[in-house]
Amino acid sequence: MTRIDVCAREDYETAARLLEVIAELGGRGTADADELTPGTGLSRFRFGADEVTVFTDAWGVDIAGPEKLVNEILAALKD
């Protein structure tokens, strides 16, 4: 399992792009994973048998999951 800090909580543009990338790569969220909002929260996204979590707290947004999948998401986020 790999965990990476993605952005500051106030970086709404990057947080929104993260969700776009997850959707573009085929991630399917749970009912509570529709958007990242200010505050705290945990959202889970399924990619077949794999899952990544996006956690938002008072300081930032991070992503955790299988190393290969997290790296794919991060690479697409940089494009």
N, C-alpha and C. Protein backbone atom coordinates (compact mmCIF):
# COMPACT_ATOMS: atom_id res chain seq x y z
N MET A 1 0.85 -1.17 0.00
CA MET A 1 0.00 0.00 0.00
C MET A 1 0.90 1.23 0.00
N THR A 2 0.55 2.18 -0.84
CA THR A 2 1.28 3.43 -0.97
C THR A 2 0.36 4.57 -0.58
N ARG A 3 0.89 5.54 0.17
CA ARG A 3 0.14 6.74 0.53
C ARG A 3 0.94 7.96 0.12
N ILE A 4 0.28 8.88 -0.61
CA ILE A 4 0.94 10.08 -1.13
C ILE A 4 0.10 11.31 -0.79
N ASP A 5 0.75 12.37 -0.31
CA ASP A 5 0.09 13.66 -0.15
C ASP A 5 -0.06 14.28 -1.53
N VAL A 6 -1.27 14.69 -1.87
CA VAL A 6 -1.55 15.21 -3.21
C VAL A 6 -1.51 16.73 -3.24
N CYS A 7 -2.22 17.37 -2.31
CA CYS A 7 -2.29 18.82 -2.33
C CYS A 7 -2.80 19.34 -1.00
N ALA A 8 -2.72 20.66 -0.84
CA ALA A 8 -3.29 21.31 0.33
C ALA A 8 -4.82 21.26 0.24
N ARG A 9 -5.46 21.28 1.38
CA ARG A 9 -6.93 21.22 1.39
C ARG A 9 -7.54 22.37 0.59
N GLU A 10 -6.91 23.53 0.62
CA GLU A 10 -7.45 24.70 -0.08
C GLU A 10 -7.18 24.69 -1.58
N ASP A 11 -6.45 23.71 -2.08
CA ASP A 11 -6.15 23.62 -3.52
C ASP A 11 -7.30 22.88 -4.21
N TYR A 12 -8.42 23.58 -4.32
CA TYR A 12 -9.63 22.97 -4.85
C TYR A 12 -9.48 22.53 -6.30
N GLU A 13 -8.69 23.24 -7.07
CA GLU A 13 -8.49 22.89 -8.48
C GLU A 13 -7.81 21.52 -8.61
N THR A 14 -6.76 21.30 -7.84
CA THR A 14 -6.07 20.01 -7.90
C THR A 14 -6.95 18.90 -7.35
N ALA A 15 -7.67 19.17 -6.25
CA ALA A 15 -8.56 18.16 -5.68
C ALA A 15 -9.64 17.76 -6.68
N ALA A 16 -10.20 18.73 -7.39
CA ALA A 16 -11.22 18.43 -8.40
C ALA A 16 -10.61 17.64 -9.55
N ARG A 17 -9.42 18.01 -9.96
CA ARG A 17 -8.73 17.28 -11.04
C ARG A 17 -8.43 15.85 -10.62
N LEU A 18 -8.08 15.64 -9.36
CA LEU A 18 -7.84 14.29 -8.85
C LEU A 18 -9.08 13.41 -9.06
N LEU A 19 -10.25 13.94 -8.74
CA LEU A 19 -11.48 13.17 -8.95
C LEU A 19 -11.74 12.91 -10.43
N GLU A 20 -11.45 13.88 -11.27
CA GLU A 20 -11.60 13.69 -12.72
C GLU A 20 -10.71 12.56 -13.20
N VAL A 21 -9.46 12.57 -12.76
CA VAL A 21 -8.51 11.53 -13.16
C VAL A 21 -8.97 10.17 -12.70
N ILE A 22 -9.42 10.07 -11.47
CA ILE A 22 -9.91 8.79 -10.95
C ILE A 22 -11.05 8.28 -11.83
N ALA A 23 -11.99 9.16 -12.18
CA ALA A 23 -13.11 8.76 -13.04
C ALA A 23 -12.62 8.37 -14.43
N GLU A 24 -11.69 9.15 -15.01
CA GLU A 24 -11.17 8.86 -16.34
C GLU A 24 -10.48 7.50 -16.39
N LEU A 25 -9.85 7.11 -15.29
CA LEU A 25 -9.15 5.82 -15.24
C LEU A 25 -10.06 4.67 -14.85
N GLY A 26 -11.35 4.96 -14.68
CA GLY A 26 -12.32 3.90 -14.42
C GLY A 26 -12.68 3.68 -12.97
N GLY A 27 -12.26 4.57 -12.08
CA GLY A 27 -12.61 4.43 -10.67
C GLY A 27 -14.08 4.70 -10.44
N ARG A 28 -14.68 3.87 -9.63
CA ARG A 28 -16.09 4.02 -9.28
C ARG A 28 -16.18 4.28 -7.79
N GLY A 29 -16.75 5.42 -7.43
CA GLY A 29 -16.80 5.82 -6.03
C GLY A 29 -18.00 5.28 -5.29
N THR A 30 -17.88 5.30 -3.98
CA THR A 30 -19.01 4.97 -3.13
C THR A 30 -19.96 6.16 -3.16
N ALA A 31 -21.10 6.02 -2.54
CA ALA A 31 -22.11 7.08 -2.56
C ALA A 31 -21.59 8.39 -1.97
N ASP A 32 -20.65 8.31 -1.04
CA ASP A 32 -20.13 9.53 -0.41
C ASP A 32 -18.89 10.08 -1.10
N ALA A 33 -18.53 9.54 -2.24
CA ALA A 33 -17.30 9.94 -2.92
C ALA A 33 -17.56 10.81 -4.14
N ASP A 34 -18.66 11.53 -4.15
CA ASP A 34 -19.01 12.32 -5.32
C ASP A 34 -18.15 13.56 -5.49
N GLU A 35 -17.69 14.13 -4.39
CA GLU A 35 -16.87 15.32 -4.49
C GLU A 35 -16.00 15.45 -3.25
N LEU A 36 -14.92 16.18 -3.38
CA LEU A 36 -14.08 16.50 -2.23
C LEU A 36 -14.47 17.88 -1.77
N THR A 37 -14.82 17.99 -0.54
CA THR A 37 -15.25 19.27 0.00
C THR A 37 -14.33 19.69 1.13
N PRO A 38 -14.32 20.96 1.47
CA PRO A 38 -13.51 21.40 2.60
C PRO A 38 -13.92 20.64 3.86
N GLY A 39 -12.99 20.48 4.76
CA GLY A 39 -13.27 19.73 5.98
C GLY A 39 -12.57 18.39 5.93
N THR A 40 -13.15 17.41 6.56
CA THR A 40 -12.51 16.10 6.60
C THR A 40 -13.41 15.07 5.95
N GLY A 41 -12.81 13.99 5.48
CA GLY A 41 -13.60 12.92 4.91
C GLY A 41 -12.74 11.88 4.24
N LEU A 42 -13.32 10.70 4.08
CA LEU A 42 -12.65 9.59 3.43
C LEU A 42 -13.56 9.10 2.31
N SER A 43 -13.01 9.01 1.11
CA SER A 43 -13.76 8.52 -0.05
C SER A 43 -13.04 7.31 -0.61
N ARG A 44 -13.79 6.29 -0.99
CA ARG A 44 -13.22 5.07 -1.54
C ARG A 44 -13.63 4.93 -3.00
N PHE A 45 -12.66 4.49 -3.82
CA PHE A 45 -12.90 4.31 -5.24
C PHE A 45 -12.43 2.93 -5.64
N ARG A 46 -13.30 2.18 -6.31
CA ARG A 46 -12.99 0.82 -6.75
C ARG A 46 -12.49 0.85 -8.19
N PHE A 47 -11.46 0.07 -8.43
CA PHE A 47 -10.92 -0.17 -9.77
C PHE A 47 -10.88 -1.68 -9.91
N GLY A 48 -12.00 -2.29 -10.25
CA GLY A 48 -12.06 -3.75 -10.28
C GLY A 48 -11.86 -4.29 -8.88
N ALA A 49 -10.86 -5.13 -8.70
CA ALA A 49 -10.58 -5.71 -7.40
C ALA A 49 -9.77 -4.77 -6.50
N ASP A 50 -9.20 -3.71 -7.05
CA ASP A 50 -8.38 -2.79 -6.28
C ASP A 50 -9.21 -1.61 -5.78
N GLU A 51 -8.70 -0.96 -4.76
CA GLU A 51 -9.38 0.19 -4.19
C GLU A 51 -8.35 1.24 -3.80
N VAL A 52 -8.69 2.50 -4.03
CA VAL A 52 -7.90 3.60 -3.51
C VAL A 52 -8.80 4.43 -2.60
N THR A 53 -8.17 5.06 -1.63
CA THR A 53 -8.90 5.97 -0.75
C THR A 53 -8.32 7.36 -0.91
N VAL A 54 -9.20 8.34 -0.85
CA VAL A 54 -8.80 9.74 -0.87
C VAL A 54 -9.25 10.30 0.47
N PHE A 55 -8.30 10.83 1.23
CA PHE A 55 -8.60 11.36 2.55
C PHE A 55 -8.33 12.85 2.57
N THR A 56 -9.31 13.60 3.04
CA THR A 56 -9.19 15.05 3.17
C THR A 56 -9.28 15.39 4.65
N ASP A 57 -8.29 16.12 5.13
CA ASP A 57 -8.35 16.60 6.51
C ASP A 57 -8.13 18.10 6.52
N ALA A 58 -7.91 18.66 7.68
CA ALA A 58 -7.77 20.11 7.80
C ALA A 58 -6.56 20.67 7.06
N TRP A 59 -5.57 19.80 6.73
CA TRP A 59 -4.35 20.28 6.12
C TRP A 59 -4.19 19.90 4.66
N GLY A 60 -4.71 18.76 4.26
CA GLY A 60 -4.45 18.34 2.89
C GLY A 60 -5.31 17.22 2.40
N VAL A 61 -4.98 16.79 1.18
CA VAL A 61 -5.65 15.69 0.51
C VAL A 61 -4.58 14.65 0.20
N ASP A 62 -4.84 13.39 0.57
CA ASP A 62 -3.90 12.34 0.21
C ASP A 62 -4.63 11.17 -0.41
N ILE A 63 -3.88 10.34 -1.07
CA ILE A 63 -4.42 9.16 -1.74
C ILE A 63 -3.61 7.95 -1.28
N ALA A 64 -4.30 6.83 -1.11
CA ALA A 64 -3.64 5.60 -0.69
C ALA A 64 -4.23 4.44 -1.46
N GLY A 65 -3.38 3.47 -1.77
CA GLY A 65 -3.83 2.28 -2.48
C GLY A 65 -2.64 1.50 -3.00
N PRO A 66 -2.92 0.54 -3.87
CA PRO A 66 -1.83 -0.24 -4.47
C PRO A 66 -0.86 0.70 -5.20
N GLU A 67 0.43 0.44 -5.03
CA GLU A 67 1.46 1.33 -5.57
C GLU A 67 1.28 1.60 -7.06
N LYS A 68 1.06 0.57 -7.85
CA LYS A 68 0.92 0.75 -9.30
C LYS A 68 -0.26 1.67 -9.64
N LEU A 69 -1.38 1.47 -8.98
CA LEU A 69 -2.57 2.27 -9.25
C LEU A 69 -2.38 3.72 -8.80
N VAL A 70 -1.82 3.91 -7.63
CA VAL A 70 -1.55 5.27 -7.15
C VAL A 70 -0.60 5.99 -8.11
N ASN A 71 0.42 5.30 -8.58
CA ASN A 71 1.36 5.91 -9.52
C ASN A 71 0.69 6.27 -10.84
N GLU A 72 -0.23 5.43 -11.32
CA GLU A 72 -0.98 5.74 -12.55
C GLU A 72 -1.82 7.00 -12.36
N ILE A 73 -2.47 7.10 -11.23
CA ILE A 73 -3.31 8.27 -10.95
C ILE A 73 -2.45 9.53 -10.87
N LEU A 74 -1.34 9.45 -10.17
CA LEU A 74 -0.46 10.60 -10.05
C LEU A 74 0.13 11.03 -11.40
N ALA A 75 0.51 10.06 -12.23
CA ALA A 75 1.04 10.39 -13.56
C ALA A 75 -0.02 11.11 -14.39
N ALA A 76 -1.25 10.63 -14.35
CA ALA A 76 -2.33 11.27 -15.12
C ALA A 76 -2.65 12.65 -14.54
N LEU A 77 -2.52 12.81 -13.25
CA LEU A 77 -2.79 14.10 -12.60
C LEU A 77 -1.78 15.14 -13.05
N LYS A 78 -0.56 14.73 -13.33
CA LYS A 78 0.49 15.66 -13.76
C LYS A 78 0.33 16.09 -15.21
N ASP A 79 -0.40 15.32 -16.01
CA ASP A 79 -0.57 15.65 -17.43
C ASP A 79 -1.48 16.85 -17.62
